[in-house]
Amino acid sequence: MKQYVAAKKLVVVPHSTFHRLAAEVGDPMADGSRKLTLINMTARCGSTLLCQMLNTVPKCRAMSEPWAFNHAHAHYNNGDISMSELRLLVRSIMRLQCKPENDTEIKQIMIKVCTLTCPIFPMLSEMFPEANYIFNTRNLPGTMASYMQIVNSIPWIAKLIEFCTCRGRDRMKYGQ
């Protein structure tokens, strides 16, 4: 939501242009000057607090649930894009999320991926084997009870979860 509120402009480009821009940026660790850590988690586990704390560390940029991964994953689950296009999008999204910033010396990039998008982790591990991976959780029964309170109290969240997870279950194996 913060990305939407903070945006100054919206630029819509075809996927081909998006992939070309991402290729110009290159992989996040290609020159060895940066490290990448990806955080997978269960909902309601303290990962937002973890990202907030990491953002106070000098030369570290932590991103909490950038929506682009969710969007690409949902389109795949809905049958709107193929596995090969999902793979291209995930790589391009990662490249652009990790692009260098002007006047900032970032050495460590940490990205917390939304729970709904966790099925892309095997793909991320294959694409970025040199990255570090963290799984963050807490007592699962308490986590799920807390999560279901939120889902049941806000109808659009239930619809979002259905859209992101229920369609295309037979295609969830990313190796196919």
N, C-alpha and C. Protein backbone atom coordinates (compact mmCIF):
# COMPACT_ATOMS: atom_id res chain seq x y z
N MET A 1 0.82 -1.18 0.00
CA MET A 1 0.00 0.00 0.00
C MET A 1 0.87 1.26 0.00
N LYS A 2 1.98 1.20 0.73
CA LYS A 2 2.88 2.34 0.80
C LYS A 2 3.39 2.73 -0.59
N GLN A 3 3.63 1.72 -1.44
CA GLN A 3 4.11 1.98 -2.79
C GLN A 3 3.08 2.80 -3.56
N TYR A 4 1.81 2.49 -3.40
CA TYR A 4 0.74 3.21 -4.08
C TYR A 4 0.64 4.64 -3.58
N VAL A 5 0.67 4.81 -2.25
CA VAL A 5 0.53 6.13 -1.65
C VAL A 5 1.72 7.02 -1.98
N ALA A 6 2.92 6.47 -1.98
CA ALA A 6 4.14 7.25 -2.20
C ALA A 6 4.42 7.54 -3.67
N ALA A 7 3.73 6.86 -4.58
CA ALA A 7 4.01 7.02 -6.01
C ALA A 7 3.70 8.44 -6.48
N LYS A 8 4.58 8.96 -7.32
CA LYS A 8 4.38 10.28 -7.93
C LYS A 8 3.79 10.13 -9.32
N LYS A 9 4.17 9.05 -10.03
CA LYS A 9 3.68 8.80 -11.38
C LYS A 9 3.49 7.30 -11.56
N LEU A 10 2.64 6.96 -12.51
CA LEU A 10 2.46 5.57 -12.90
C LEU A 10 2.90 5.45 -14.35
N VAL A 11 3.82 4.54 -14.59
CA VAL A 11 4.31 4.31 -15.94
C VAL A 11 3.91 2.89 -16.33
N VAL A 12 3.20 2.76 -17.43
CA VAL A 12 2.77 1.46 -17.92
C VAL A 12 3.60 1.14 -19.16
N VAL A 13 4.27 -0.01 -19.13
CA VAL A 13 5.12 -0.43 -20.26
C VAL A 13 4.81 -1.88 -20.60
N PRO A 14 5.04 -2.26 -21.85
CA PRO A 14 4.88 -3.68 -22.19
C PRO A 14 5.94 -4.52 -21.47
N HIS A 15 5.66 -5.81 -21.31
CA HIS A 15 6.62 -6.70 -20.65
C HIS A 15 7.98 -6.65 -21.35
N SER A 16 8.00 -6.55 -22.66
CA SER A 16 9.28 -6.53 -23.38
C SER A 16 10.14 -5.35 -22.94
N THR A 17 9.53 -4.19 -22.74
CA THR A 17 10.26 -3.01 -22.27
C THR A 17 10.72 -3.20 -20.84
N PHE A 18 9.84 -3.76 -20.01
CA PHE A 18 10.17 -4.04 -18.61
C PHE A 18 11.39 -4.96 -18.51
N HIS A 19 11.39 -6.03 -19.32
CA HIS A 19 12.51 -6.98 -19.30
C HIS A 19 13.80 -6.32 -19.81
N ARG A 20 13.70 -5.45 -20.82
CA ARG A 20 14.87 -4.76 -21.34
C ARG A 20 15.48 -3.84 -20.28
N LEU A 21 14.62 -3.09 -19.58
CA LEU A 21 15.11 -2.22 -18.50
C LEU A 21 15.78 -3.04 -17.40
N ALA A 22 15.17 -4.15 -17.05
CA ALA A 22 15.74 -5.01 -16.01
C ALA A 22 17.07 -5.60 -16.44
N ALA A 23 17.19 -5.97 -17.72
CA ALA A 23 18.46 -6.51 -18.23
C ALA A 23 19.56 -5.46 -18.16
N GLU A 24 19.21 -4.20 -18.40
CA GLU A 24 20.19 -3.12 -18.29
C GLU A 24 20.70 -2.97 -16.86
N VAL A 25 19.82 -3.17 -15.89
CA VAL A 25 20.21 -3.08 -14.48
C VAL A 25 21.07 -4.27 -14.09
N GLY A 26 20.69 -5.46 -14.55
CA GLY A 26 21.46 -6.68 -14.26
C GLY A 26 21.08 -7.31 -12.93
N ASP A 27 21.67 -8.47 -12.68
CA ASP A 27 21.39 -9.19 -11.44
C ASP A 27 21.94 -8.45 -10.23
N PRO A 28 21.26 -8.56 -9.10
CA PRO A 28 21.62 -7.76 -7.92
C PRO A 28 23.00 -8.03 -7.35
N MET A 29 23.54 -9.21 -7.55
CA MET A 29 24.84 -9.53 -6.95
C MET A 29 25.91 -9.78 -8.00
N ALA A 30 25.66 -9.36 -9.23
CA ALA A 30 26.56 -9.68 -10.35
C ALA A 30 27.99 -9.18 -10.13
N ASP A 31 28.14 -7.98 -9.56
CA ASP A 31 29.49 -7.44 -9.40
C ASP A 31 30.11 -7.76 -8.03
N GLY A 32 29.37 -8.46 -7.18
CA GLY A 32 29.90 -8.86 -5.87
C GLY A 32 29.88 -7.78 -4.81
N SER A 33 29.36 -6.59 -5.14
CA SER A 33 29.37 -5.50 -4.16
C SER A 33 28.17 -5.54 -3.22
N ARG A 34 27.19 -6.36 -3.52
CA ARG A 34 25.99 -6.44 -2.69
C ARG A 34 25.66 -7.89 -2.35
N LYS A 35 24.99 -8.05 -1.23
CA LYS A 35 24.48 -9.36 -0.82
C LYS A 35 22.95 -9.28 -0.82
N LEU A 36 22.33 -10.39 -1.15
CA LEU A 36 20.87 -10.47 -1.20
C LEU A 36 20.39 -11.54 -0.22
N THR A 37 19.42 -11.18 0.61
CA THR A 37 18.78 -12.13 1.51
C THR A 37 17.28 -12.06 1.28
N LEU A 38 16.67 -13.22 1.09
CA LEU A 38 15.23 -13.30 0.87
C LEU A 38 14.59 -13.95 2.09
N ILE A 39 13.52 -13.35 2.55
CA ILE A 39 12.84 -13.81 3.76
C ILE A 39 11.48 -14.39 3.38
N ASN A 40 11.30 -15.65 3.71
CA ASN A 40 10.02 -16.33 3.56
C ASN A 40 9.45 -16.44 4.96
N MET A 41 8.12 -16.39 5.09
CA MET A 41 7.58 -16.40 6.44
C MET A 41 6.14 -16.86 6.45
N THR A 42 5.67 -17.17 7.65
CA THR A 42 4.24 -17.36 7.86
C THR A 42 3.68 -16.00 8.25
N ALA A 43 2.41 -15.82 8.04
CA ALA A 43 1.79 -14.53 8.38
C ALA A 43 1.80 -14.32 9.89
N ARG A 44 1.81 -13.07 10.30
CA ARG A 44 1.69 -12.69 11.70
C ARG A 44 2.82 -13.24 12.56
N CYS A 45 4.05 -13.22 12.03
CA CYS A 45 5.17 -13.85 12.74
C CYS A 45 6.22 -12.85 13.22
N GLY A 46 6.01 -11.55 12.99
CA GLY A 46 6.99 -10.56 13.40
C GLY A 46 7.94 -10.14 12.30
N SER A 47 7.68 -10.58 11.08
CA SER A 47 8.60 -10.26 9.97
C SER A 47 8.57 -8.78 9.60
N THR A 48 7.45 -8.10 9.80
CA THR A 48 7.40 -6.66 9.53
C THR A 48 8.31 -5.93 10.51
N LEU A 49 8.27 -6.31 11.76
CA LEU A 49 9.17 -5.73 12.76
C LEU A 49 10.62 -6.02 12.39
N LEU A 50 10.90 -7.25 11.94
CA LEU A 50 12.25 -7.61 11.50
C LEU A 50 12.72 -6.67 10.39
N CYS A 51 11.88 -6.41 9.40
CA CYS A 51 12.25 -5.51 8.30
C CYS A 51 12.48 -4.09 8.80
N GLN A 52 11.63 -3.63 9.70
CA GLN A 52 11.81 -2.29 10.26
C GLN A 52 13.14 -2.17 11.00
N MET A 53 13.50 -3.21 11.75
CA MET A 53 14.78 -3.20 12.47
C MET A 53 15.94 -3.23 11.48
N LEU A 54 15.84 -4.06 10.45
CA LEU A 54 16.92 -4.16 9.47
C LEU A 54 17.14 -2.85 8.72
N ASN A 55 16.07 -2.10 8.51
CA ASN A 55 16.21 -0.81 7.83
C ASN A 55 16.99 0.22 8.64
N THR A 56 17.21 -0.05 9.92
CA THR A 56 18.02 0.87 10.73
C THR A 56 19.51 0.54 10.65
N VAL A 57 19.85 -0.60 10.06
CA VAL A 57 21.24 -1.03 9.93
C VAL A 57 21.89 -0.25 8.77
N PRO A 58 23.03 0.39 9.01
CA PRO A 58 23.70 1.12 7.94
C PRO A 58 24.00 0.22 6.73
N LYS A 59 23.83 0.75 5.55
CA LYS A 59 24.13 0.09 4.28
C LYS A 59 23.24 -1.12 4.00
N CYS A 60 22.09 -1.18 4.68
CA CYS A 60 21.14 -2.26 4.48
C CYS A 60 19.79 -1.67 4.05
N ARG A 61 19.20 -2.27 3.03
CA ARG A 61 17.86 -1.87 2.59
C ARG A 61 16.97 -3.11 2.71
N ALA A 62 15.93 -3.02 3.52
CA ALA A 62 14.98 -4.12 3.68
C ALA A 62 13.64 -3.68 3.07
N MET A 63 13.08 -4.57 2.26
CA MET A 63 11.79 -4.30 1.63
C MET A 63 10.79 -5.31 2.14
N SER A 64 9.66 -4.82 2.57
CA SER A 64 8.62 -5.68 3.13
C SER A 64 7.51 -5.88 2.10
N GLU A 65 7.45 -7.07 1.55
CA GLU A 65 6.39 -7.51 0.65
C GLU A 65 6.18 -6.60 -0.56
N PRO A 66 7.20 -6.41 -1.39
CA PRO A 66 6.96 -5.64 -2.61
C PRO A 66 5.89 -6.34 -3.45
N TRP A 67 4.91 -5.59 -3.88
CA TRP A 67 3.70 -6.16 -4.47
C TRP A 67 3.94 -6.80 -5.83
N ALA A 68 4.99 -6.47 -6.52
CA ALA A 68 5.21 -6.98 -7.88
C ALA A 68 5.26 -8.51 -7.91
N PHE A 69 5.90 -9.13 -6.92
CA PHE A 69 5.97 -10.59 -6.88
C PHE A 69 4.56 -11.19 -6.73
N ASN A 70 3.75 -10.61 -5.84
CA ASN A 70 2.38 -11.09 -5.64
C ASN A 70 1.58 -10.98 -6.93
N HIS A 71 1.73 -9.86 -7.60
CA HIS A 71 0.97 -9.59 -8.83
C HIS A 71 1.32 -10.62 -9.91
N ALA A 72 2.60 -10.87 -10.12
CA ALA A 72 3.03 -11.83 -11.13
C ALA A 72 2.54 -13.24 -10.78
N HIS A 73 2.69 -13.61 -9.51
CA HIS A 73 2.26 -14.94 -9.05
C HIS A 73 0.76 -15.12 -9.23
N ALA A 74 -0.03 -14.11 -8.90
CA ALA A 74 -1.48 -14.19 -9.05
C ALA A 74 -1.87 -14.34 -10.51
N HIS A 75 -1.18 -13.63 -11.41
CA HIS A 75 -1.49 -13.77 -12.84
C HIS A 75 -1.17 -15.17 -13.35
N TYR A 76 -0.12 -15.76 -12.83
CA TYR A 76 0.20 -17.14 -13.21
C TYR A 76 -0.89 -18.09 -12.70
N ASN A 77 -1.25 -17.95 -11.42
CA ASN A 77 -2.27 -18.82 -10.85
C ASN A 77 -3.61 -18.69 -11.57
N ASN A 78 -3.88 -17.50 -12.09
CA ASN A 78 -5.14 -17.25 -12.78
C ASN A 78 -5.09 -17.73 -14.23
N GLY A 79 -3.92 -18.15 -14.71
CA GLY A 79 -3.79 -18.62 -16.08
C GLY A 79 -3.57 -17.50 -17.08
N ASP A 80 -3.28 -16.30 -16.60
CA ASP A 80 -3.08 -15.15 -17.49
C ASP A 80 -1.71 -15.15 -18.16
N ILE A 81 -0.72 -15.78 -17.50
CA ILE A 81 0.63 -15.84 -18.06
C ILE A 81 1.15 -17.27 -17.93
N SER A 82 2.10 -17.61 -18.77
CA SER A 82 2.69 -18.94 -18.75
C SER A 82 3.80 -19.02 -17.70
N MET A 83 4.27 -20.25 -17.45
CA MET A 83 5.39 -20.44 -16.53
C MET A 83 6.63 -19.71 -17.03
N SER A 84 6.89 -19.76 -18.33
CA SER A 84 8.08 -19.09 -18.85
C SER A 84 7.98 -17.58 -18.66
N GLU A 85 6.79 -17.00 -18.83
CA GLU A 85 6.63 -15.56 -18.60
C GLU A 85 6.75 -15.23 -17.12
N LEU A 86 6.22 -16.10 -16.26
CA LEU A 86 6.38 -15.88 -14.81
C LEU A 86 7.86 -15.85 -14.45
N ARG A 87 8.62 -16.79 -14.99
CA ARG A 87 10.07 -16.83 -14.69
C ARG A 87 10.75 -15.55 -15.15
N LEU A 88 10.42 -15.09 -16.34
CA LEU A 88 11.00 -13.83 -16.84
C LEU A 88 10.61 -12.66 -15.95
N LEU A 89 9.34 -12.61 -15.57
CA LEU A 89 8.87 -11.52 -14.71
C LEU A 89 9.55 -11.54 -13.35
N VAL A 90 9.67 -12.71 -12.75
CA VAL A 90 10.30 -12.80 -11.42
C VAL A 90 11.74 -12.31 -11.48
N ARG A 91 12.49 -12.72 -12.49
CA ARG A 91 13.87 -12.26 -12.61
C ARG A 91 13.93 -10.74 -12.83
N SER A 92 13.08 -10.23 -13.70
CA SER A 92 13.08 -8.79 -13.97
C SER A 92 12.63 -8.00 -12.75
N ILE A 93 11.63 -8.51 -12.04
CA ILE A 93 11.19 -7.83 -10.81
C ILE A 93 12.33 -7.76 -9.81
N MET A 94 13.03 -8.88 -9.61
CA MET A 94 14.14 -8.89 -8.66
C MET A 94 15.22 -7.89 -9.06
N ARG A 95 15.56 -7.87 -10.33
CA ARG A 95 16.59 -6.94 -10.80
C ARG A 95 16.20 -5.49 -10.52
N LEU A 96 14.95 -5.13 -10.80
CA LEU A 96 14.54 -3.75 -10.62
C LEU A 96 14.30 -3.40 -9.14
N GLN A 97 13.84 -4.36 -8.35
CA GLN A 97 13.68 -4.10 -6.91
C GLN A 97 15.04 -3.84 -6.26
N CYS A 98 16.08 -4.46 -6.78
CA CYS A 98 17.41 -4.36 -6.18
C CYS A 98 18.33 -3.38 -6.89
N LYS A 99 17.80 -2.61 -7.81
CA LYS A 99 18.66 -1.69 -8.58
C LYS A 99 19.37 -0.71 -7.65
N PRO A 100 20.57 -0.29 -8.04
CA PRO A 100 21.30 0.68 -7.23
C PRO A 100 20.56 2.02 -7.15
N GLU A 101 20.72 2.69 -6.04
CA GLU A 101 20.13 4.02 -5.84
C GLU A 101 21.22 5.07 -5.95
N ASN A 102 20.84 6.24 -6.37
CA ASN A 102 21.79 7.36 -6.43
C ASN A 102 22.17 7.78 -5.02
N ASP A 103 23.42 8.08 -4.82
CA ASP A 103 23.94 8.63 -3.56
C ASP A 103 23.68 7.74 -2.35
N THR A 104 23.55 6.45 -2.55
CA THR A 104 23.34 5.51 -1.44
C THR A 104 24.24 4.31 -1.65
N GLU A 105 24.99 3.97 -0.63
CA GLU A 105 25.86 2.80 -0.72
C GLU A 105 25.23 1.65 0.06
N ILE A 106 24.46 0.85 -0.66
CA ILE A 106 23.79 -0.30 -0.05
C ILE A 106 24.65 -1.53 -0.30
N LYS A 107 24.95 -2.26 0.77
CA LYS A 107 25.74 -3.49 0.68
C LYS A 107 24.90 -4.74 0.87
N GLN A 108 23.76 -4.59 1.55
CA GLN A 108 22.90 -5.73 1.86
C GLN A 108 21.46 -5.37 1.50
N ILE A 109 20.84 -6.20 0.66
CA ILE A 109 19.42 -6.03 0.32
C ILE A 109 18.67 -7.21 0.89
N MET A 110 17.60 -6.90 1.61
CA MET A 110 16.77 -7.95 2.19
C MET A 110 15.34 -7.73 1.69
N ILE A 111 14.75 -8.79 1.18
CA ILE A 111 13.38 -8.71 0.68
C ILE A 111 12.54 -9.76 1.37
N LYS A 112 11.49 -9.29 2.04
CA LYS A 112 10.51 -10.20 2.65
C LYS A 112 9.41 -10.39 1.63
N VAL A 113 9.22 -11.63 1.19
CA VAL A 113 8.20 -11.96 0.21
C VAL A 113 6.91 -12.33 0.94
N CYS A 114 5.80 -11.84 0.43
CA CYS A 114 4.48 -12.07 1.04
C CYS A 114 4.19 -13.57 1.16
N THR A 115 3.49 -13.95 2.21
CA THR A 115 3.11 -15.35 2.44
C THR A 115 2.41 -15.95 1.23
N LEU A 116 1.55 -15.18 0.57
CA LEU A 116 0.79 -15.69 -0.58
C LEU A 116 1.69 -16.03 -1.76
N THR A 117 2.90 -15.50 -1.76
CA THR A 117 3.81 -15.69 -2.88
C THR A 117 4.90 -16.70 -2.56
N CYS A 118 4.84 -17.33 -1.41
CA CYS A 118 5.91 -18.26 -1.02
C CYS A 118 6.14 -19.40 -2.00
N PRO A 119 5.18 -19.81 -2.85
CA PRO A 119 5.49 -20.87 -3.80
C PRO A 119 6.58 -20.51 -4.82
N ILE A 120 6.94 -19.24 -4.95
CA ILE A 120 8.01 -18.89 -5.89
C ILE A 120 9.40 -19.08 -5.29
N PHE A 121 9.49 -19.45 -4.01
CA PHE A 121 10.81 -19.58 -3.39
C PHE A 121 11.73 -20.60 -4.06
N PRO A 122 11.25 -21.76 -4.48
CA PRO A 122 12.15 -22.66 -5.22
C PRO A 122 12.69 -22.01 -6.49
N MET A 123 11.86 -21.23 -7.17
CA MET A 123 12.30 -20.53 -8.37
C MET A 123 13.36 -19.49 -8.02
N LEU A 124 13.14 -18.73 -6.96
CA LEU A 124 14.12 -17.72 -6.54
C LEU A 124 15.44 -18.38 -6.16
N SER A 125 15.36 -19.51 -5.46
CA SER A 125 16.57 -20.23 -5.07
C SER A 125 17.35 -20.71 -6.29
N GLU A 126 16.65 -21.14 -7.30
CA GLU A 126 17.30 -21.58 -8.54
C GLU A 126 17.92 -20.40 -9.29
N MET A 127 17.21 -19.28 -9.35
CA MET A 127 17.69 -18.10 -10.08
C MET A 127 18.83 -17.37 -9.36
N PHE A 128 18.77 -17.38 -8.04
CA PHE A 128 19.74 -16.63 -7.24
C PHE A 128 20.35 -17.55 -6.17
N PRO A 129 21.14 -18.55 -6.60
CA PRO A 129 21.68 -19.52 -5.64
C PRO A 129 22.66 -18.91 -4.64
N GLU A 130 23.26 -17.79 -4.99
CA GLU A 130 24.23 -17.16 -4.09
C GLU A 130 23.56 -16.31 -3.02
N ALA A 131 22.24 -16.13 -3.10
CA ALA A 131 21.51 -15.37 -2.08
C ALA A 131 21.37 -16.19 -0.81
N ASN A 132 21.11 -15.50 0.28
CA ASN A 132 20.81 -16.15 1.54
C ASN A 132 19.30 -16.22 1.70
N TYR A 133 18.81 -17.25 2.37
CA TYR A 133 17.38 -17.45 2.54
C TYR A 133 17.07 -17.66 4.01
N ILE A 134 16.04 -16.96 4.49
CA ILE A 134 15.61 -17.06 5.88
C ILE A 134 14.14 -17.43 5.90
N PHE A 135 13.77 -18.35 6.78
CA PHE A 135 12.35 -18.64 7.02
C PHE A 135 12.02 -18.17 8.42
N ASN A 136 11.05 -17.28 8.53
CA ASN A 136 10.66 -16.68 9.80
C ASN A 136 9.25 -17.16 10.16
N THR A 137 9.08 -17.69 11.38
CA THR A 137 7.76 -18.14 11.81
C THR A 137 7.66 -17.97 13.32
N ARG A 138 6.51 -18.26 13.84
CA ARG A 138 6.30 -18.32 15.29
C ARG A 138 5.35 -19.47 15.54
N ASN A 139 4.91 -19.65 16.76
CA ASN A 139 3.99 -20.72 17.13
C ASN A 139 2.83 -20.76 16.13
N LEU A 140 2.78 -21.80 15.31
CA LEU A 140 1.84 -21.86 14.20
C LEU A 140 0.37 -21.79 14.60
N PRO A 141 -0.11 -22.49 15.63
CA PRO A 141 -1.54 -22.35 15.99
C PRO A 141 -1.93 -20.91 16.33
N GLY A 142 -1.10 -20.23 17.09
CA GLY A 142 -1.38 -18.83 17.41
C GLY A 142 -1.32 -17.93 16.19
N THR A 143 -0.37 -18.21 15.31
CA THR A 143 -0.24 -17.44 14.08
C THR A 143 -1.49 -17.59 13.23
N MET A 144 -1.94 -18.81 13.03
CA MET A 144 -3.10 -19.05 12.17
C MET A 144 -4.38 -18.47 12.78
N ALA A 145 -4.53 -18.54 14.10
CA ALA A 145 -5.71 -17.95 14.74
C ALA A 145 -5.74 -16.44 14.52
N SER A 146 -4.59 -15.80 14.67
CA SER A 146 -4.48 -14.37 14.45
C SER A 146 -4.76 -14.01 12.99
N TYR A 147 -4.20 -14.80 12.08
CA TYR A 147 -4.38 -14.57 10.65
C TYR A 147 -5.84 -14.73 10.25
N MET A 148 -6.51 -15.75 10.74
CA MET A 148 -7.91 -16.00 10.38
C MET A 148 -8.83 -14.91 10.93
N GLN A 149 -8.49 -14.31 12.06
CA GLN A 149 -9.28 -13.19 12.56
C GLN A 149 -9.27 -12.05 11.54
N ILE A 150 -8.11 -11.78 10.98
CA ILE A 150 -8.00 -10.72 9.98
C ILE A 150 -8.77 -11.09 8.72
N VAL A 151 -8.53 -12.28 8.21
CA VAL A 151 -9.18 -12.73 6.97
C VAL A 151 -10.70 -12.69 7.12
N ASN A 152 -11.21 -13.18 8.23
CA ASN A 152 -12.66 -13.25 8.42
C ASN A 152 -13.30 -11.90 8.68
N SER A 153 -12.53 -10.91 9.12
CA SER A 153 -13.11 -9.61 9.42
C SER A 153 -13.07 -8.65 8.23
N ILE A 154 -12.29 -8.95 7.22
CA ILE A 154 -12.16 -8.05 6.07
C ILE A 154 -12.42 -8.87 4.80
N PRO A 155 -13.62 -8.78 4.23
CA PRO A 155 -13.98 -9.64 3.10
C PRO A 155 -13.04 -9.55 1.89
N TRP A 156 -12.50 -8.39 1.58
CA TRP A 156 -11.65 -8.29 0.38
C TRP A 156 -10.35 -9.06 0.57
N ILE A 157 -9.90 -9.24 1.80
CA ILE A 157 -8.68 -10.02 2.02
C ILE A 157 -8.95 -11.49 1.69
N ALA A 158 -10.12 -11.99 2.08
CA ALA A 158 -10.47 -13.37 1.75
C ALA A 158 -10.51 -13.56 0.23
N LYS A 159 -11.06 -12.58 -0.49
CA LYS A 159 -11.11 -12.67 -1.96
C LYS A 159 -9.70 -12.63 -2.55
N LEU A 160 -8.83 -11.79 -2.00
CA LEU A 160 -7.45 -11.71 -2.47
C LEU A 160 -6.74 -13.04 -2.26
N ILE A 161 -6.91 -13.64 -1.10
CA ILE A 161 -6.27 -14.92 -0.81
C ILE A 161 -6.78 -15.99 -1.78
N GLU A 162 -8.09 -15.98 -2.03
CA GLU A 162 -8.64 -16.94 -2.99
C GLU A 162 -8.02 -16.73 -4.36
N PHE A 163 -7.92 -15.48 -4.80
CA PHE A 163 -7.36 -15.19 -6.11
C PHE A 163 -5.90 -15.63 -6.21
N CYS A 164 -5.14 -15.38 -5.17
CA CYS A 164 -3.70 -15.67 -5.21
C CYS A 164 -3.35 -17.13 -4.99
N THR A 165 -4.21 -17.89 -4.33
CA THR A 165 -3.81 -19.24 -3.96
C THR A 165 -4.68 -20.36 -4.51
N CYS A 166 -5.95 -20.14 -4.73
CA CYS A 166 -6.85 -21.25 -5.06
C CYS A 166 -6.88 -21.60 -6.53
N ARG A 167 -6.72 -20.66 -7.41
CA ARG A 167 -6.77 -20.96 -8.83
C ARG A 167 -5.45 -21.56 -9.29
N GLY A 168 -5.52 -22.51 -10.16
CA GLY A 168 -4.31 -23.07 -10.73
C GLY A 168 -3.51 -23.94 -9.80
N ARG A 169 -4.14 -24.51 -8.79
CA ARG A 169 -3.39 -25.35 -7.85
C ARG A 169 -2.67 -26.49 -8.54
N ASP A 170 -3.27 -26.98 -9.63
CA ASP A 170 -2.64 -28.09 -10.34
C ASP A 170 -1.37 -27.65 -11.05
N ARG A 171 -1.10 -26.33 -11.14
CA ARG A 171 0.10 -25.85 -11.82
C ARG A 171 1.11 -25.27 -10.84
N MET A 172 0.99 -25.54 -9.56
CA MET A 172 1.83 -24.89 -8.57
C MET A 172 3.27 -25.40 -8.55
N LYS A 173 3.58 -26.48 -9.23
CA LYS A 173 4.95 -26.95 -9.26
C LYS A 173 5.70 -26.17 -10.33
N TYR A 174 6.64 -25.34 -9.88
CA TYR A 174 7.30 -24.42 -10.79
C TYR A 174 8.32 -25.09 -11.68
N GLY A 175 8.62 -26.33 -11.45
CA GLY A 175 9.55 -27.01 -12.33
C GLY A 175 8.91 -27.49 -13.62
N GLN A 176 7.60 -27.37 -13.73
CA GLN A 176 6.89 -27.88 -14.91
C GLN A 176 6.66 -26.78 -15.93
